[in-house]
Protein backbone atom coordinates (compact mmCIF):
# COMPACT_ATOMS: atom_id res chain seq x y z
CA MET A 1 -37.41 -45.77 -31.19
CA THR A 2 -34.67 -42.97 -30.44
CA PHE A 3 -33.49 -40.46 -32.81
CA TYR A 4 -29.99 -41.88 -32.87
CA ARG A 5 -31.22 -45.22 -34.09
CA PHE A 6 -33.68 -43.71 -36.63
CA PHE A 7 -30.93 -41.66 -38.04
CA ASN A 8 -28.86 -44.80 -38.12
CA LEU A 9 -31.51 -46.65 -39.89
CA VAL A 10 -32.48 -44.09 -42.48
CA LYS A 11 -29.16 -42.87 -42.77
CA PRO A 12 -30.48 -39.04 -44.14
CA GLY A 13 -28.24 -36.81 -45.74
CA LEU A 14 -29.65 -34.11 -44.27
CA VAL A 15 -32.25 -33.06 -41.37
CA VAL A 16 -34.82 -30.49 -41.98
CA ILE A 17 -36.67 -29.30 -38.71
CA ASN A 18 -39.91 -27.34 -39.05
CA THR A 19 -39.96 -25.74 -35.58
CA SER A 20 -38.11 -24.15 -32.74
CA THR A 21 -40.03 -26.27 -30.28
CA THR A 22 -38.32 -29.69 -31.14
CA ILE A 23 -34.34 -29.58 -29.92
CA VAL A 24 -33.68 -33.05 -29.76
CA PRO A 25 -33.52 -34.11 -33.46
CA GLY A 26 -31.37 -31.02 -34.49
CA LEU A 27 -28.83 -32.00 -31.60
CA MET A 28 -28.50 -35.70 -32.40
CA ALA A 29 -28.12 -35.11 -36.28
CA LYS A 30 -25.62 -32.64 -35.39
CA LEU A 31 -23.58 -35.25 -33.08
CA MET A 32 -23.92 -37.57 -35.83
CA ASN A 33 -22.57 -35.20 -38.56
CA ILE A 34 -25.78 -34.95 -40.52
CA PRO A 35 -26.24 -31.51 -41.84
CA VAL A 36 -29.25 -29.62 -40.44
CA VAL A 37 -31.54 -27.19 -41.89
CA TRP A 38 -33.90 -25.05 -39.41
CA HIS A 39 -36.82 -23.65 -40.88
CA VAL A 40 -38.24 -21.23 -37.62
CA HIS A 41 -41.87 -20.11 -37.89
CA GLU A 42 -42.21 -18.68 -34.24
CA ILE A 43 -41.03 -15.93 -32.39
CA ILE A 44 -39.02 -17.13 -29.76
CA PRO A 45 -40.07 -15.50 -26.83
CA ASP A 46 -38.19 -13.71 -23.89
CA THR A 47 -38.63 -15.30 -20.09
CA VAL A 48 -37.39 -14.40 -16.98
CA LEU A 49 -33.78 -12.85 -17.74
CA GLY A 50 -34.37 -14.14 -21.28
CA VAL A 51 -32.85 -17.81 -20.51
CA ARG A 52 -35.07 -19.46 -22.65
CA LYS A 53 -34.24 -17.08 -25.71
CA CYS A 54 -30.53 -17.56 -25.35
CA LEU A 55 -30.56 -21.25 -24.78
CA LEU A 56 -32.88 -22.01 -27.92
CA ARG A 57 -30.98 -19.31 -29.74
CA SER A 58 -27.70 -21.11 -29.20
CA LEU A 59 -28.80 -24.88 -29.34
CA ILE A 60 -30.33 -24.21 -32.80
CA GLU A 61 -27.19 -21.82 -33.83
CA PHE A 62 -24.90 -24.72 -32.83
CA SER A 63 -26.30 -27.43 -34.68
CA SER A 64 -27.56 -25.83 -37.82
CA LYS A 65 -26.09 -25.56 -41.29
CA LYS A 66 -28.74 -22.94 -42.33
CA ILE A 67 -31.63 -21.51 -40.63
CA ILE A 68 -34.46 -20.04 -42.18
CA VAL A 69 -36.93 -17.61 -41.02
CA GLU A 70 -40.13 -16.25 -41.86
CA SER A 71 -39.82 -12.70 -41.15
CA GLN A 72 -37.40 -9.90 -40.52
CA TYR A 73 -38.67 -9.93 -36.80
CA SER A 74 -37.63 -13.62 -36.33
CA LEU A 75 -34.36 -13.08 -38.17
CA LYS A 76 -33.62 -10.90 -35.06
CA ASN A 77 -33.56 -14.08 -33.11
CA PHE A 78 -30.39 -15.16 -34.88
CA ASN A 79 -27.05 -13.88 -35.26
CA ASN A 80 -25.38 -15.24 -38.74
CA LYS A 81 -26.54 -18.36 -40.07
CA SER A 82 -30.14 -17.03 -40.82
CA GLU A 83 -31.87 -15.81 -44.18
């Protein structure tokens, strides 16, 4: 079952995502106008030229109503929606 079909079936009022390794549910919820709260436990590692970190950070910030992080160090990964 796809996330689109699942969200249409369940009709959630909020989607909470508990990791930065799963991007698709957050993006699908955002496209369906379902609020997303992202709880990021991991430090997003840099890769060559920082592309992975930049892409993940951008997608998480785009799709989120709020981002929750575990530490001040994790907070540095995000711009303005974190606490």
